[in-house]
Amino acid sequence: MPLGCLTFVLHSHLPWVLNHGRWPHGVDWLNEAAAESYLPLWRVLHERAERGSLGVTLDLSPVLCEQLAHPDFHREFVSYLEQKIAAAAEDRAWFTGTGESRLASLAERWERFYRGTLEDFMGPFGPNLVARFRRLEERGAIEIITCGATHGYFPLLSSDAAVEGQVRTAVTAHRRHFGRAPRGMWLPECAYRPAGFWTSPVPGTAPGVARAGVEELLALHGIDYFFVDRHLLSGGTPLGVYADRFDALRHLARHPAGPDGTSEHAPYRPYRVGAAARTGCYGRDAVTAIQVWSGEAGYPGDGAYLDFHKKRFPGGHRYWSVTHPKADLADKRVYDADRAAARAPEHARHFVQLVEQVLRDAGARQQPVPIVCSMYDTELFGHWWFEGPRFLAAVLDLAVGAEFELTTAGTHLDRHPPAEVVALPEGSWGDGGRHEVWLNERTEWTWRPIHAAERDYERLAREATRGDHDLLLERLMGQAGRELLLLEASDWQFLITTFSARDYAELRLTEHAEAYRRLATLAGQRLSGGALSETDERFLAECERRDPLFPDFDWRAYVSSPAATLSGGTARA
């Protein structure tokens, strides 16, 4: 009898960057993640798919799918890989000329890595990575779940209609990409809010309103389960996820510890959530999270692994090891690929033993069959931690003889339906445990145009549904809705707070806010019977070219949304 179950819950997401810059901020983020994380992950899963379920619950965010499936990305990616191959060849020639044989050998490895990636991408499985993962799900190897359409931060969106717009668009896009509806959702930033009266934390941006719980909005669209961080179920101090990598976040983990995390709501079984109890939730395991997430105390901080930060320019290739998590860049030693390759299986064996111990302890304290949900950003494996895919492959191989069963969250929910109902508090997996990463003195201003656009779009949609069918109005309403969704992306606040791409994020948010306002104004003008100038029509066409995501976006659903019946729509200024 197995001790319990393990599922890797991997969250794959990047904001919409096509047609919005290349380097240092823009589509090269997508190129890096595809080369270092998404393709290596696909290979790991594809090579083992004949075993059946690999225990991977994979979230591919809708906005990421829209990009990975787009022909523009396919062209960009080939160009990027060719540049990386050429840069590695130049590095190899330079190091050979200077007598640095170890570095020359590493440059040759980078040549092989990117040449192999290019051959794979252009090979028989095709350049559409979304379609590749779809085939894995159809074979029963993985379960693919969804996320908010553009990763909008649900607790801070101003209305149920806004949250539902993110959920509805996500489910529609998922059906188009994967041929089936998603059963599960990774809440953006694992951010949850319960039902209740809400007053905007940014004064003057939105009226007070009664809102439905997130679980109720998910249930409206057939979502059976979602995930939350451990502290929302069990109490205790929030783990956080990014402070190890972004110094700007360290001050946010400042809340005093709550209960010790050993409450009756342990994160090793699913629960029903809220008064209606229609939707389930799973909690994040803290023990395995720290081991894999932490660049200081976890596996990625091992001195043998490839260092993320030190790069050789102009090509951007990496030739140095972590050496020590606190080592200065000048003190980094030359990377030893063989030594690093040997460490990944050792860490995998430790991880498997750790999972067995966690399940053993959980099984002694609860009746239901325990499950460990090991939750990570997919980009951790390969991009941040280069050896991560090798580690994951070794864990999947060792799990064949381990004392636990690999499963997906949906399969586990079917086999072990939850009996307990919980009322979750508001919070997220961000550092500090609540909303501080996305709402602080540096980002408060961003919520004003978001909330204004949300209120305006709901009003405009009501007016537009009363008018005659007009193809130009249809285009204006559709593109205004897409710009609203892009405006709502939580990535902008994250990039501002962490200082990792503050100028880019502020520019993007401002661009989408301005595009929304102009398109909404033109839609209002059209509703009043006015014509668009040639300049206005060119502007609409340019927005459609630049931001062509979600071709099946349904603006009318903002009027016919069933969410209003859940909360009653009560509002007061």
Protein backbone atom coordinates (compact mmCIF):
# COMPACT_ATOMS: atom_id res chain seq x y z
CA MET A 1 0.00 0.00 0.00
CA PRO A 2 1.56 3.35 -1.03
CA LEU A 3 2.11 5.96 1.67
CA GLY A 4 0.18 8.45 -0.45
CA CYS A 5 0.50 10.50 -3.62
CA LEU A 6 2.76 13.13 -5.15
CA THR A 7 1.91 15.64 -7.84
CA PHE A 8 4.21 18.25 -9.30
CA VAL A 9 2.10 21.35 -9.91
CA LEU A 10 3.98 23.48 -12.42
CA HIS A 11 2.88 27.01 -13.27
CA SER A 12 4.02 28.16 -16.73
CA HIS A 13 3.47 31.83 -17.45
CA LEU A 14 4.92 34.91 -19.10
CA PRO A 15 3.11 38.16 -19.92
CA TRP A 16 2.25 39.08 -23.50
CA VAL A 17 5.58 40.22 -24.97
CA LEU A 18 5.13 39.56 -28.71
CA ASN A 19 5.42 42.86 -30.60
CA HIS A 20 6.50 44.64 -27.40
CA GLY A 21 10.29 44.73 -27.50
CA ARG A 22 12.99 42.09 -27.70
CA TRP A 23 16.05 42.67 -25.49
CA PRO A 24 16.65 43.27 -22.62
CA HIS A 25 12.89 43.24 -22.00
CA GLY A 26 10.40 41.66 -24.35
CA VAL A 27 10.22 38.58 -26.53
CA ASP A 28 13.65 37.30 -25.45
CA TRP A 29 12.03 36.46 -22.09
CA LEU A 30 9.81 34.07 -24.02
CA ASN A 31 12.72 32.78 -26.09
CA GLU A 32 14.80 32.06 -22.99
CA ALA A 33 11.97 30.27 -21.23
CA ALA A 34 11.16 28.17 -24.30
CA ALA A 35 14.79 27.12 -24.84
CA GLU A 36 15.72 26.55 -21.20
CA SER A 37 12.44 25.41 -19.59
CA TYR A 38 9.48 24.56 -21.85
CA LEU A 39 11.27 22.44 -24.46
CA PRO A 40 13.45 20.62 -21.87
CA LEU A 41 10.33 19.92 -19.77
CA TRP A 42 8.52 18.56 -22.82
CA ARG A 43 11.47 16.26 -23.57
CA VAL A 44 11.52 14.93 -20.00
CA LEU A 45 7.80 14.13 -20.17
CA HIS A 46 7.79 12.86 -23.75
CA GLU A 47 10.59 10.38 -23.06
CA ARG A 48 8.57 8.87 -20.18
CA ALA A 49 5.02 9.20 -21.52
CA GLU A 50 4.63 5.49 -22.20
CA ARG A 51 4.53 4.86 -18.43
CA GLY A 52 1.13 6.50 -18.09
CA SER A 53 0.54 9.28 -15.58
CA LEU A 54 3.76 11.07 -14.61
CA GLY A 55 2.12 12.97 -11.78
CA VAL A 56 2.52 16.40 -13.40
CA THR A 57 -0.36 18.86 -13.12
CA LEU A 58 0.79 21.45 -15.64
CA ASP A 59 -0.61 24.95 -15.80
CA LEU A 60 -0.05 26.63 -19.15
CA SER A 61 -1.42 30.14 -18.73
CA PRO A 62 -3.75 31.27 -21.53
CA VAL A 63 -1.60 34.26 -22.46
CA LEU A 64 1.46 32.01 -22.67
CA CYS A 65 -0.41 29.56 -24.92
CA GLU A 66 -1.47 32.39 -27.21
CA GLN A 67 2.21 33.27 -27.67
CA LEU A 68 3.71 29.78 -27.96
CA ALA A 69 1.18 28.86 -30.65
CA HIS A 70 1.63 32.08 -32.63
CA PRO A 71 3.63 31.99 -35.92
CA ASP A 72 5.38 35.23 -34.94
CA PHE A 73 6.93 33.47 -31.96
CA HIS A 74 8.06 30.58 -34.13
CA ARG A 75 9.98 33.00 -36.36
CA GLU A 76 11.39 34.93 -33.42
CA PHE A 77 12.54 31.75 -31.70
CA VAL A 78 14.44 30.42 -34.72
CA SER A 79 16.23 33.76 -35.07
CA TYR A 80 17.04 33.77 -31.35
CA LEU A 81 18.49 30.24 -31.46
CA GLU A 82 20.63 31.09 -34.48
CA GLN A 83 22.00 34.12 -32.62
CA LYS A 84 22.81 32.01 -29.55
CA ILE A 85 24.61 29.42 -31.71
CA ALA A 86 26.67 32.13 -33.40
CA ALA A 87 27.51 33.77 -30.06
CA ALA A 88 28.70 30.46 -28.62
CA ALA A 89 30.89 29.87 -31.69
CA GLU A 90 32.43 33.33 -31.24
CA ASP A 91 33.06 32.61 -27.56
CA ARG A 92 34.68 29.29 -28.42
CA ALA A 93 37.02 30.95 -30.92
CA TRP A 94 37.96 33.63 -28.40
CA PHE A 95 38.62 31.21 -25.54
CA THR A 96 40.62 28.93 -27.85
CA GLY A 97 42.74 31.88 -28.88
CA THR A 98 43.41 32.90 -25.28
CA GLY A 99 44.26 29.35 -24.21
CA GLU A 100 41.25 29.01 -21.87
CA SER A 101 40.45 25.43 -22.79
CA ARG A 102 37.82 24.81 -20.09
CA LEU A 103 35.84 27.84 -21.17
CA ALA A 104 36.24 26.89 -24.83
CA SER A 105 34.82 23.45 -24.03
CA LEU A 106 31.84 25.04 -22.28
CA ALA A 107 31.24 27.32 -25.26
CA GLU A 108 31.14 24.22 -27.45
CA ARG A 109 28.53 22.74 -25.08
CA TRP A 110 26.38 25.86 -25.54
CA GLU A 111 26.70 25.46 -29.32
CA ARG A 112 25.46 21.89 -29.06
CA PHE A 113 22.69 22.85 -26.64
CA TYR A 114 21.21 25.54 -28.89
CA ARG A 115 21.80 23.62 -32.12
CA GLY A 116 20.00 20.64 -30.62
CA THR A 117 17.17 22.92 -29.49
CA LEU A 118 16.82 24.32 -32.99
CA GLU A 119 16.77 20.84 -34.53
CA ASP A 120 14.14 19.72 -32.01
CA PHE A 121 11.98 22.81 -32.59
CA MET A 122 12.09 22.39 -36.37
CA GLY A 123 11.83 18.60 -36.19
CA PRO A 124 8.98 16.12 -36.65
CA PHE A 125 7.04 17.13 -33.51
CA GLY A 126 6.52 20.63 -34.87
CA PRO A 127 7.16 24.15 -33.57
CA ASN A 128 3.84 24.49 -31.71
CA LEU A 129 4.79 23.65 -28.12
CA VAL A 130 1.16 23.95 -27.01
CA ALA A 131 0.23 21.17 -29.42
CA ARG A 132 3.11 19.04 -28.09
CA PHE A 133 1.85 19.30 -24.51
CA ARG A 134 -1.70 18.65 -25.71
CA ARG A 135 -0.58 15.32 -27.17
CA LEU A 136 1.01 14.38 -23.84
CA GLU A 137 -2.30 15.03 -22.07
CA GLU A 138 -4.19 13.02 -24.68
CA ARG A 139 -1.83 10.10 -23.94
CA GLY A 140 -2.66 10.35 -20.22
CA ALA A 141 0.87 11.39 -19.20
CA ILE A 142 -0.07 14.77 -17.67
CA GLU A 143 -3.05 16.95 -16.78
CA ILE A 144 -3.12 20.48 -18.17
CA ILE A 145 -4.89 23.15 -16.15
CA THR A 146 -5.43 26.86 -16.71
CA CYS A 147 -4.89 30.24 -15.04
CA GLY A 148 -6.38 33.72 -15.31
CA ALA A 149 -6.43 34.81 -18.95
CA THR A 150 -3.65 37.37 -18.55
CA HIS A 151 -2.74 36.54 -14.93
CA GLY A 152 -4.91 39.27 -13.43
CA TYR A 153 -4.64 39.48 -9.65
CA PHE A 154 -8.15 38.40 -8.62
CA PRO A 155 -8.44 39.94 -5.11
CA LEU A 156 -7.60 43.44 -6.38
CA LEU A 157 -9.75 43.47 -9.52
CA SER A 158 -12.68 45.77 -8.85
CA SER A 159 -15.67 43.58 -9.71
CA ASP A 160 -16.89 40.04 -10.11
CA ALA A 161 -17.36 40.78 -13.82
CA ALA A 162 -13.65 41.59 -14.11
CA VAL A 163 -12.60 38.35 -12.38
CA GLU A 164 -15.10 36.37 -14.39
CA GLY A 165 -13.75 37.96 -17.57
CA GLN A 166 -10.34 36.52 -16.72
CA VAL A 167 -11.81 33.08 -15.92
CA ARG A 168 -14.24 32.87 -18.86
CA THR A 169 -11.61 33.94 -21.39
CA ALA A 170 -9.18 31.42 -19.92
CA VAL A 171 -11.62 28.53 -20.22
CA THR A 172 -12.52 29.47 -23.80
CA ALA A 173 -8.86 29.69 -24.83
CA HIS A 174 -8.10 26.39 -23.10
CA ARG A 175 -10.84 24.63 -25.06
CA ARG A 176 -9.44 26.02 -28.30
CA HIS A 177 -5.85 24.97 -27.55
CA PHE A 178 -6.46 21.60 -25.86
CA GLY A 179 -9.80 20.40 -27.18
CA ARG A 180 -11.31 20.07 -23.71
CA ALA A 181 -12.31 22.24 -20.75
CA PRO A 182 -9.85 22.62 -17.88
CA ARG A 183 -10.77 21.01 -14.58
CA GLY A 184 -8.31 22.93 -12.45
CA MET A 185 -6.96 26.46 -12.17
CA TRP A 186 -3.77 27.90 -10.79
CA LEU A 187 -5.03 31.19 -9.35
CA PRO A 188 -2.69 33.97 -10.48
CA GLU A 189 -0.13 34.35 -7.67
CA CYS A 190 -2.24 31.75 -5.79
CA ALA A 191 -4.27 34.78 -4.71
CA TYR A 192 -7.66 34.02 -3.18
CA ARG A 193 -10.46 36.18 -1.78
CA PRO A 194 -13.66 35.00 -0.04
CA ALA A 195 -17.14 36.39 -0.53
CA GLY A 196 -17.95 39.62 1.23
CA PHE A 197 -18.28 43.37 0.96
CA TRP A 198 -15.18 44.93 -0.55
CA THR A 199 -13.82 48.44 -0.38
CA SER A 200 -10.96 49.28 -2.68
CA PRO A 201 -7.65 49.68 -0.80
CA VAL A 202 -6.83 52.48 -3.27
CA PRO A 203 -9.13 55.34 -2.29
CA GLY A 204 -11.44 56.66 -4.96
CA THR A 205 -10.77 53.99 -7.59
CA ALA A 206 -13.87 51.82 -7.22
CA PRO A 207 -17.15 51.84 -5.29
CA GLY A 208 -17.66 49.46 -2.40
CA VAL A 209 -19.34 46.32 -3.64
CA ALA A 210 -20.49 42.90 -2.46
CA ARG A 211 -18.34 40.30 -4.20
CA ALA A 212 -18.65 36.56 -4.65
CA GLY A 213 -15.90 34.25 -3.46
CA VAL A 214 -13.34 33.24 -6.07
CA GLU A 215 -14.46 29.62 -5.74
CA GLU A 216 -18.01 30.60 -6.78
CA LEU A 217 -16.77 32.34 -9.92
CA LEU A 218 -14.65 29.31 -10.81
CA ALA A 219 -17.62 26.98 -10.34
CA LEU A 220 -19.66 29.00 -12.83
CA HIS A 221 -17.19 27.94 -15.51
CA GLY A 222 -16.75 24.32 -14.55
CA ILE A 223 -13.50 24.61 -12.58
CA ASP A 224 -13.41 21.77 -10.04
CA TYR A 225 -10.35 22.75 -8.00
CA PHE A 226 -7.61 25.30 -7.42
CA PHE A 227 -4.48 25.70 -5.30
CA VAL A 228 -3.57 27.94 -2.37
CA ASP A 229 -0.47 28.47 -0.30
CA ARG A 230 -0.14 26.50 2.91
CA HIS A 231 -0.75 29.39 5.30
CA LEU A 232 -4.28 29.98 3.94
CA LEU A 233 -5.20 26.45 5.06
CA SER A 234 -2.99 25.78 8.04
CA GLY A 235 -1.94 29.15 9.40
CA GLY A 236 1.66 29.89 10.22
CA THR A 237 4.13 32.27 8.62
CA PRO A 238 3.80 32.70 4.84
CA LEU A 239 6.59 30.98 2.93
CA GLY A 240 6.82 33.44 0.09
CA VAL A 241 8.48 32.45 -3.16
CA TYR A 242 10.63 35.21 -4.61
CA ALA A 243 12.55 36.92 -1.80
CA ASP A 244 15.58 34.66 -2.34
CA ARG A 245 15.92 36.07 -5.86
CA PHE A 246 14.71 39.66 -5.48
CA ASP A 247 16.22 41.67 -2.65
CA ALA A 248 13.48 44.29 -3.04
CA LEU A 249 10.97 41.77 -1.59
CA ARG A 250 12.80 40.82 1.58
CA HIS A 251 11.19 43.57 3.64
CA LEU A 252 7.71 42.29 2.76
CA ALA A 253 7.99 39.08 4.80
CA ARG A 254 7.40 41.07 7.95
CA HIS A 255 4.21 39.66 9.45
CA PRO A 256 4.57 37.98 12.85
CA ALA A 257 4.05 34.26 12.81
CA GLY A 258 0.52 33.04 13.24
CA PRO A 259 -0.37 29.52 14.36
CA ASP A 260 2.38 26.99 13.92
CA GLY A 261 0.94 25.47 10.76
CA THR A 262 -0.24 22.27 12.41
CA SER A 263 -3.97 23.04 12.42
CA GLU A 264 -6.54 20.44 11.49
CA HIS A 265 -6.52 21.82 7.93
CA ALA A 266 -3.25 20.24 6.89
CA PRO A 267 -2.25 20.83 3.25
CA TYR A 268 -2.11 17.08 2.52
CA ARG A 269 -5.73 16.52 1.47
CA PRO A 270 -8.27 18.45 -0.62
CA TYR A 271 -11.12 20.49 0.85
CA ARG A 272 -14.38 21.97 -0.36
CA VAL A 273 -14.42 25.76 -0.17
CA GLY A 274 -17.09 28.24 0.82
CA ALA A 275 -20.76 28.04 1.62
CA ALA A 276 -21.75 26.31 -1.63
CA ALA A 277 -18.87 23.81 -1.30
CA ARG A 278 -18.86 23.17 -5.05
CA THR A 279 -15.15 23.74 -5.68
CA GLY A 280 -12.17 21.96 -4.16
CA CYS A 281 -8.78 23.30 -3.19
CA TYR A 282 -5.34 21.86 -2.55
CA GLY A 283 -2.58 23.34 -0.41
CA ARG A 284 1.09 23.81 -1.17
CA ASP A 285 3.55 21.59 0.66
CA ALA A 286 6.13 23.67 2.50
CA VAL A 287 8.81 21.02 2.97
CA THR A 288 9.37 20.18 -0.68
CA ALA A 289 8.79 23.80 -1.67
CA ILE A 290 11.78 25.10 0.26
CA GLN A 291 14.08 22.34 -1.00
CA VAL A 292 13.43 23.17 -4.64
CA TRP A 293 12.57 26.88 -4.59
CA SER A 294 15.26 28.29 -2.37
CA GLY A 295 18.43 29.50 -4.05
CA GLU A 296 20.05 29.69 -0.64
CA ALA A 297 18.86 26.72 1.43
CA GLY A 298 17.61 24.49 -1.39
CA TYR A 299 19.08 22.38 -4.17
CA PRO A 300 19.58 25.24 -6.68
CA GLY A 301 22.05 26.85 -4.25
CA ASP A 302 24.48 23.92 -4.54
CA GLY A 303 27.89 25.23 -5.51
CA ALA A 304 28.26 22.82 -8.43
CA TYR A 305 25.27 24.12 -10.38
CA LEU A 306 25.39 26.70 -13.16
CA ASP A 307 25.15 30.26 -11.88
CA PHE A 308 22.19 32.24 -13.18
CA HIS A 309 23.52 35.75 -12.74
CA LYS A 310 27.05 35.84 -14.17
CA LYS A 311 27.03 36.04 -17.97
CA ARG A 312 29.52 36.80 -20.69
CA PHE A 313 28.41 39.52 -23.07
CA PRO A 314 27.50 40.22 -25.79
CA GLY A 315 26.29 36.62 -26.25
CA GLY A 316 24.92 36.21 -22.73
CA HIS A 317 26.20 32.67 -22.21
CA ARG A 318 27.03 31.44 -18.71
CA TYR A 319 30.34 29.81 -17.84
CA TRP A 320 30.49 29.90 -14.06
CA SER A 321 29.10 27.87 -11.18
CA VAL A 322 27.09 29.00 -8.17
CA THR A 323 30.24 28.30 -6.11
CA HIS A 324 28.40 29.49 -2.98
CA PRO A 325 24.93 31.09 -2.70
CA LYS A 326 26.48 34.22 -1.19
CA ALA A 327 29.55 34.34 -3.44
CA ASP A 328 30.32 37.60 -5.21
CA LEU A 329 30.26 37.43 -9.00
CA ALA A 330 34.02 37.96 -9.07
CA ASP A 331 34.51 34.84 -6.94
CA LYS A 332 32.50 32.45 -9.11
CA ARG A 333 34.47 29.41 -10.29
CA VAL A 334 34.38 27.95 -13.78
CA TYR A 335 31.43 25.60 -14.22
CA ASP A 336 32.10 21.85 -14.19
CA ALA A 337 29.22 20.33 -16.19
CA ASP A 338 30.01 16.75 -15.23
CA ARG A 339 30.08 17.57 -11.52
CA ALA A 340 26.75 19.39 -11.80
CA ALA A 341 25.21 16.51 -13.74
CA ALA A 342 26.18 14.13 -10.93
CA ARG A 343 24.58 16.31 -8.25
CA ALA A 344 21.08 16.36 -9.79
CA PRO A 345 20.40 12.62 -9.26
CA GLU A 346 21.73 12.87 -5.70
CA HIS A 347 19.29 15.68 -4.97
CA ALA A 348 16.53 13.68 -6.65
CA ARG A 349 17.14 10.75 -4.29
CA HIS A 350 16.99 13.10 -1.32
CA PHE A 351 13.74 14.60 -2.64
CA VAL A 352 12.08 11.19 -3.04
CA GLN A 353 13.07 10.24 0.52
CA LEU A 354 11.75 13.59 1.73
CA VAL A 355 8.38 13.04 0.03
CA GLU A 356 8.13 9.59 1.60
CA GLN A 357 8.79 11.05 5.04
CA VAL A 358 6.27 13.87 4.58
CA LEU A 359 3.62 11.36 3.48
CA ARG A 360 4.47 9.03 6.36
CA ASP A 361 4.05 11.88 8.88
CA ALA A 362 0.85 13.14 7.22
CA GLY A 363 -0.66 9.67 7.08
CA ALA A 364 -0.14 9.26 10.82
CA ARG A 365 -2.21 12.42 11.47
CA GLN A 366 -5.12 12.06 9.02
CA GLN A 367 -7.54 9.49 7.72
CA PRO A 368 -7.69 10.46 4.02
CA VAL A 369 -4.91 9.27 1.74
CA PRO A 370 -2.35 12.11 1.86
CA ILE A 371 -1.08 13.94 -1.19
CA VAL A 372 1.97 16.18 -1.50
CA CYS A 373 1.44 19.09 -3.89
CA SER A 374 4.90 20.29 -4.88
CA MET A 375 4.17 23.65 -6.48
CA TYR A 376 6.66 25.65 -8.55
CA ASP A 377 7.00 28.02 -11.44
CA THR A 378 7.94 25.93 -14.47
CA GLU A 379 10.63 28.47 -15.36
CA LEU A 380 12.52 27.47 -12.21
CA PHE A 381 13.41 24.23 -13.99
CA GLY A 382 16.00 25.09 -16.62
CA HIS A 383 15.91 28.88 -16.67
CA TRP A 384 16.67 29.78 -13.07
CA TRP A 385 18.08 26.35 -12.23
CA PHE A 386 19.71 25.00 -15.37
CA GLU A 387 19.96 21.44 -14.06
CA GLY A 388 16.31 21.47 -12.92
CA PRO A 389 14.98 19.36 -15.83
CA ARG A 390 17.66 16.73 -15.12
CA PHE A 391 16.56 16.73 -11.46
CA LEU A 392 12.89 16.38 -12.42
CA ALA A 393 13.68 13.50 -14.79
CA ALA A 394 15.57 11.70 -12.04
CA VAL A 395 12.69 12.15 -9.57
CA LEU A 396 10.19 10.71 -12.07
CA ASP A 397 12.51 7.74 -12.69
CA LEU A 398 13.10 7.09 -8.98
CA ALA A 399 9.37 7.40 -8.24
CA VAL A 400 8.78 4.16 -10.15
CA GLY A 401 10.14 2.23 -7.17
CA ALA A 402 9.20 4.68 -4.43
CA GLU A 403 6.64 4.27 -1.63
CA PHE A 404 4.22 6.75 -3.17
CA GLU A 405 2.11 7.04 -6.30
CA LEU A 406 2.48 9.74 -8.94
CA THR A 407 -0.87 11.28 -9.79
CA THR A 408 -2.44 14.47 -11.07
CA ALA A 409 -4.68 16.68 -8.99
CA GLY A 410 -7.78 15.91 -11.06
CA THR A 411 -7.28 12.15 -10.78
CA HIS A 412 -6.69 12.43 -7.04
CA LEU A 413 -9.86 14.51 -6.61
CA ASP A 414 -11.89 11.85 -8.42
CA ARG A 415 -10.48 9.02 -6.32
CA HIS A 416 -10.52 10.86 -2.99
CA PRO A 417 -13.33 13.45 -3.07
CA PRO A 418 -13.08 15.85 -0.12
CA ALA A 419 -15.54 15.65 2.74
CA GLU A 420 -14.46 18.72 4.74
CA VAL A 421 -15.55 22.27 3.97
CA VAL A 422 -13.29 25.21 4.82
CA ALA A 423 -13.59 28.99 4.82
CA LEU A 424 -10.34 30.38 3.48
CA PRO A 425 -8.96 33.81 4.41
CA GLU A 426 -7.78 36.28 1.82
CA GLY A 427 -4.15 36.00 0.74
CA SER A 428 -1.58 34.87 -1.81
CA TRP A 429 1.70 33.02 -2.09
CA GLY A 430 3.57 36.31 -2.42
CA ASP A 431 6.14 37.39 0.12
CA GLY A 432 4.21 38.71 3.09
CA GLY A 433 1.33 36.34 2.37
CA ARG A 434 -1.19 38.94 1.25
CA HIS A 435 -1.10 41.60 -1.48
CA GLU A 436 2.01 43.64 -0.65
CA VAL A 437 3.97 42.59 -3.74
CA TRP A 438 1.18 43.89 -6.00
CA LEU A 439 -0.14 46.79 -3.91
CA ASN A 440 2.41 49.07 -2.27
CA GLU A 441 3.62 52.65 -2.47
CA ARG A 442 5.33 51.97 -5.81
CA THR A 443 2.32 50.31 -7.46
CA GLU A 444 -0.73 51.99 -5.94
CA TRP A 445 -1.02 54.30 -8.96
CA THR A 446 -1.34 51.34 -11.33
CA TRP A 447 -4.72 50.33 -9.92
CA ARG A 448 -6.37 53.64 -10.79
CA PRO A 449 -6.39 53.12 -14.59
CA ILE A 450 -7.22 49.42 -14.12
CA HIS A 451 -10.28 50.04 -11.97
CA ALA A 452 -11.41 52.95 -14.14
CA ALA A 453 -11.19 50.81 -17.29
CA GLU A 454 -13.07 47.92 -15.66
CA ARG A 455 -15.99 50.14 -14.66
CA ASP A 456 -16.01 51.86 -18.02
CA TYR A 457 -15.95 48.64 -20.03
CA GLU A 458 -18.88 47.14 -18.15
CA ARG A 459 -20.87 50.33 -18.83
CA LEU A 460 -19.83 50.40 -22.49
CA ALA A 461 -20.74 46.73 -22.98
CA ARG A 462 -24.25 47.37 -21.62
CA GLU A 463 -24.72 50.23 -24.06
CA ALA A 464 -23.26 48.32 -27.00
CA THR A 465 -25.58 45.35 -26.58
CA ARG A 466 -28.55 47.67 -27.07
CA GLY A 467 -27.26 48.93 -30.42
CA ASP A 468 -27.52 47.50 -33.91
CA HIS A 469 -24.99 44.94 -35.13
CA ASP A 470 -22.01 46.82 -36.51
CA LEU A 471 -18.81 45.09 -37.65
CA LEU A 472 -16.65 48.09 -36.78
CA LEU A 473 -18.19 48.33 -33.31
CA GLU A 474 -17.57 44.59 -32.86
CA ARG A 475 -13.88 45.12 -33.62
CA LEU A 476 -13.63 48.11 -31.30
CA MET A 477 -15.32 46.32 -28.39
CA GLY A 478 -13.27 43.18 -28.90
CA GLN A 479 -9.94 44.98 -29.04
CA ALA A 480 -10.82 47.26 -26.12
CA GLY A 481 -11.55 44.11 -24.10
CA ARG A 482 -8.18 42.60 -25.03
CA GLU A 483 -6.40 45.78 -23.97
CA LEU A 484 -8.32 45.67 -20.68
CA LEU A 485 -7.20 42.09 -20.04
CA LEU A 486 -3.58 43.04 -20.80
CA LEU A 487 -3.88 46.06 -18.53
CA GLU A 488 -5.05 43.78 -15.68
CA ALA A 489 -1.95 41.51 -15.83
CA SER A 490 -0.32 41.20 -12.39
CA ASP A 491 3.11 41.01 -14.05
CA TRP A 492 3.35 44.79 -14.27
CA GLN A 493 3.10 45.31 -10.50
CA PHE A 494 5.51 42.44 -9.86
CA LEU A 495 8.14 43.86 -12.21
CA ILE A 496 7.76 47.31 -10.66
CA THR A 497 8.02 46.08 -7.07
CA THR A 498 11.04 43.86 -7.71
CA PHE A 499 12.81 46.52 -9.84
CA SER A 500 13.56 43.70 -12.31
CA ALA A 501 12.05 45.60 -15.26
CA ARG A 502 10.36 48.60 -13.72
CA ASP A 503 10.57 51.00 -16.69
CA TYR A 504 9.31 48.35 -19.10
CA ALA A 505 6.38 47.43 -16.85
CA GLU A 506 5.35 51.04 -16.33
CA LEU A 507 5.51 51.65 -20.07
CA ARG A 508 3.45 48.56 -20.88
CA LEU A 509 0.77 49.36 -18.34
CA THR A 510 0.53 52.94 -19.58
CA GLU A 511 0.38 51.81 -23.23
CA HIS A 512 -2.47 49.39 -22.60
CA ALA A 513 -4.36 51.94 -20.49
CA GLU A 514 -4.05 54.54 -23.26
CA ALA A 515 -5.00 52.04 -25.96
CA TYR A 516 -8.05 51.02 -23.96
CA ARG A 517 -9.17 54.63 -23.44
CA ARG A 518 -8.86 55.52 -27.10
CA LEU A 519 -10.62 52.37 -28.31
CA ALA A 520 -13.40 52.85 -25.75
CA THR A 521 -13.83 56.46 -26.86
CA LEU A 522 -14.08 55.34 -30.48
CA ALA A 523 -16.62 52.68 -29.52
CA GLY A 524 -18.72 55.32 -27.76
CA GLN A 525 -18.42 57.54 -30.81
CA ARG A 526 -19.60 54.67 -33.01
CA LEU A 527 -22.54 53.99 -30.70
CA SER A 528 -23.61 57.60 -31.18
CA GLY A 529 -23.66 57.09 -34.93
CA GLY A 530 -20.31 58.71 -35.61
CA ALA A 531 -17.82 57.62 -38.23
CA LEU A 532 -14.15 56.82 -37.63
CA SER A 533 -11.47 58.80 -39.35
CA GLU A 534 -8.80 57.11 -41.44
CA THR A 535 -6.36 57.74 -38.60
CA ASP A 536 -8.70 56.08 -36.11
CA GLU A 537 -9.15 53.03 -38.31
CA ARG A 538 -5.37 52.72 -38.71
CA PHE A 539 -5.02 52.89 -34.91
CA LEU A 540 -7.56 50.09 -34.46
CA ALA A 541 -5.78 47.95 -37.07
CA GLU A 542 -2.42 48.54 -35.39
CA CYS A 543 -3.80 47.48 -31.99
CA GLU A 544 -5.22 44.33 -33.60
CA ARG A 545 -1.85 43.58 -35.21
CA ARG A 546 0.15 44.24 -32.05
CA ASP A 547 -2.14 42.47 -29.58
CA PRO A 548 -4.01 39.72 -31.49
CA LEU A 549 -4.54 37.35 -28.56
CA PHE A 550 -7.86 35.68 -27.67
CA PRO A 551 -9.56 35.83 -31.08
CA ASP A 552 -12.72 34.36 -29.52
CA PHE A 553 -12.97 37.02 -26.80
CA ASP A 554 -16.65 37.59 -25.87
CA TRP A 555 -17.35 41.16 -24.86
CA ARG A 556 -21.10 40.55 -24.55
CA ALA A 557 -20.51 38.19 -21.63
CA TYR A 558 -19.60 41.23 -19.52
CA VAL A 559 -23.31 42.08 -19.66
CA SER A 560 -24.84 38.61 -19.38
CA SER A 561 -22.46 37.44 -16.65
CA PRO A 562 -24.16 35.11 -14.12
CA ALA A 563 -21.77 36.38 -11.43
CA ALA A 564 -24.12 39.25 -10.58
CA THR A 565 -26.64 36.79 -9.15
CA LEU A 566 -24.04 35.40 -6.74
CA SER A 567 -23.15 38.63 -4.98
CA GLY A 568 -26.32 40.54 -5.68
CA GLY A 569 -24.28 43.28 -7.34
CA THR A 570 -24.77 45.57 -4.32
CA ALA A 571 -22.58 48.65 -4.53
CA ARG A 572 -22.26 51.94 -2.76
CA ALA A 573 -19.92 54.81 -3.36
